[in-house]
Every structure is written in C-alpha cells, then in structure tokens.
C-alpha cells in the first residue's frame, strides 16, 4: 500500500466536492474539474462514510465482487490514492 494510505485509515469526502448520481453512475465536481466514476470506483465512493476504514471498504469490495481480499485491498487503495491526488477525499487515521 502507499505510504500515506494504511488499512486503518478512514477516508472522508471533501466538503467542496459536489456529487450527482445519474443512471447508476456517479459524477463528481470540484471547482473546475469534473469526474465520472466507473462502477467499482462508484461502489468505493459510496462506501466512504467517514467512519469505515480502508480495510472495511476493501472487505465490502471483496464480498460484492467475489474477489480475494488481497486484490480488493490493492484495488481499493489504488482508487483511494487517485481520489487523494485529485483532492476528492482526505484521510484520517
């Protein structure tokens, strides 16, 4: 995992991010940037509630998509890294 994302970290949505759901897709906007999340990314976004840890979210991904825990943790961490880079989420530990 990335140095700044640990399994016990808790992701939170940033307050300045606007969210729209449209036909199952999630659209995010932050200032002059807009993003459309693919299915798995949208699933992860929906699980970010400010209380669930990265490990909890990854466990949900594994159960929902029927994949092994290690792959789910890697995929979840990679998605959270991108969300952090784009300043769409923040982490607390």
Protein backbone atom coordinates (compact mmCIF):
# COMPACT_ATOMS: atom_id res chain seq x y z
CA UNK A 1 0.00 0.00 0.00
CA UNK A 2 1.02 3.59 -0.44
CA UNK A 3 2.88 5.19 2.42
CA UNK A 4 0.04 7.59 3.23
CA UNK A 5 -2.80 5.05 2.95
CA UNK A 6 -2.99 2.39 5.63
CA UNK A 7 -5.64 -0.29 6.16
CA UNK A 8 -6.73 1.51 9.36
CA UNK A 9 -7.03 4.94 7.67
CA UNK A 10 -10.53 6.40 7.38
CA UNK A 11 -11.34 8.21 4.13
CA UNK A 12 -13.77 11.13 4.13
CA UNK A 13 -15.35 13.07 1.29
CA UNK A 14 -14.12 16.64 0.96
CA UNK A 15 -16.85 19.18 1.59
CA UNK A 16 -16.18 21.16 -1.61
CA UNK A 17 -16.90 18.13 -3.83
CA UNK A 18 -20.32 18.19 -5.46
CA UNK A 19 -21.92 14.81 -6.18
CA UNK A 20 -24.55 13.77 -8.70
CA UNK A 21 -25.92 10.30 -9.35
CA UNK A 22 -27.18 9.64 -12.86
CA UNK A 23 -28.35 6.25 -14.14
CA UNK A 24 -26.11 4.37 -11.74
CA UNK A 25 -23.03 6.50 -12.45
CA UNK A 26 -21.55 8.95 -10.00
CA UNK A 27 -20.44 12.35 -11.23
CA UNK A 28 -18.12 14.42 -9.05
CA UNK A 29 -17.17 18.06 -9.45
CA UNK A 30 -14.55 20.03 -7.59
CA UNK A 31 -14.06 23.63 -8.67
CA UNK A 32 -13.36 23.47 -12.43
CA UNK A 33 -12.75 19.70 -12.59
CA UNK A 34 -15.40 17.04 -13.25
CA UNK A 35 -15.11 13.26 -12.95
CA UNK A 36 -17.31 10.29 -13.82
CA UNK A 37 -16.55 7.24 -11.72
CA UNK A 38 -16.66 3.75 -13.25
CA UNK A 39 -18.64 1.03 -11.48
CA UNK A 40 -16.07 -0.20 -8.96
CA UNK A 41 -14.89 3.33 -8.19
CA UNK A 42 -18.51 4.39 -7.65
CA UNK A 43 -19.00 1.44 -5.28
CA UNK A 44 -15.93 2.51 -3.29
CA UNK A 45 -17.11 6.15 -3.27
CA UNK A 46 -20.49 5.12 -1.86
CA UNK A 47 -18.77 3.18 0.94
CA UNK A 48 -16.80 6.24 2.09
CA UNK A 49 -18.78 7.44 5.07
CA UNK A 50 -16.15 8.94 7.35
CA UNK A 51 -16.27 6.01 9.77
CA UNK A 52 -15.30 2.91 7.73
CA UNK A 53 -11.61 2.14 7.49
CA UNK A 54 -9.87 1.31 4.20
CA UNK A 55 -9.85 -2.35 5.28
CA UNK A 56 -13.64 -2.27 5.83
CA UNK A 57 -14.23 -0.78 2.39
CA UNK A 58 -11.92 -3.34 0.79
CA UNK A 59 -13.77 -6.16 2.56
CA UNK A 60 -17.04 -4.86 1.08
CA UNK A 61 -15.46 -4.76 -2.39
CA UNK A 62 -14.27 -8.36 -2.00
CA UNK A 63 -17.72 -9.56 -0.91
CA UNK A 64 -19.66 -7.59 -3.52
CA UNK A 65 -17.46 -8.54 -6.49
CA UNK A 66 -16.44 -12.03 -5.34
CA UNK A 67 -12.70 -11.37 -5.39
CA UNK A 68 -9.98 -12.23 -2.90
CA UNK A 69 -9.23 -9.88 -0.03
CA UNK A 70 -5.71 -9.01 -1.22
CA UNK A 71 -6.88 -7.95 -4.67
CA UNK A 72 -9.74 -5.96 -3.15
CA UNK A 73 -7.37 -4.14 -0.79
CA UNK A 74 -4.98 -3.32 -3.64
CA UNK A 75 -7.79 -2.08 -5.87
CA UNK A 76 -9.37 -0.04 -3.08
CA UNK A 77 -6.04 1.50 -2.12
CA UNK A 78 -5.25 2.41 -5.74
CA UNK A 79 -8.64 4.08 -6.13
CA UNK A 80 -8.21 5.99 -2.87
CA UNK A 81 -4.73 7.12 -3.97
CA UNK A 82 -6.28 8.62 -7.10
CA UNK A 83 -9.11 10.25 -5.10
CA UNK A 84 -6.49 11.74 -2.76
CA UNK A 85 -4.37 13.02 -5.66
CA UNK A 86 -7.43 14.70 -7.15
CA UNK A 87 -8.29 16.13 -3.70
CA UNK A 88 -11.72 14.49 -3.69
CA UNK A 89 -11.17 12.75 -0.33
CA UNK A 90 -8.99 13.18 2.74
CA UNK A 91 -7.74 10.61 5.24
CA UNK A 92 -7.68 10.40 8.98
CA UNK A 93 -6.09 7.63 11.00
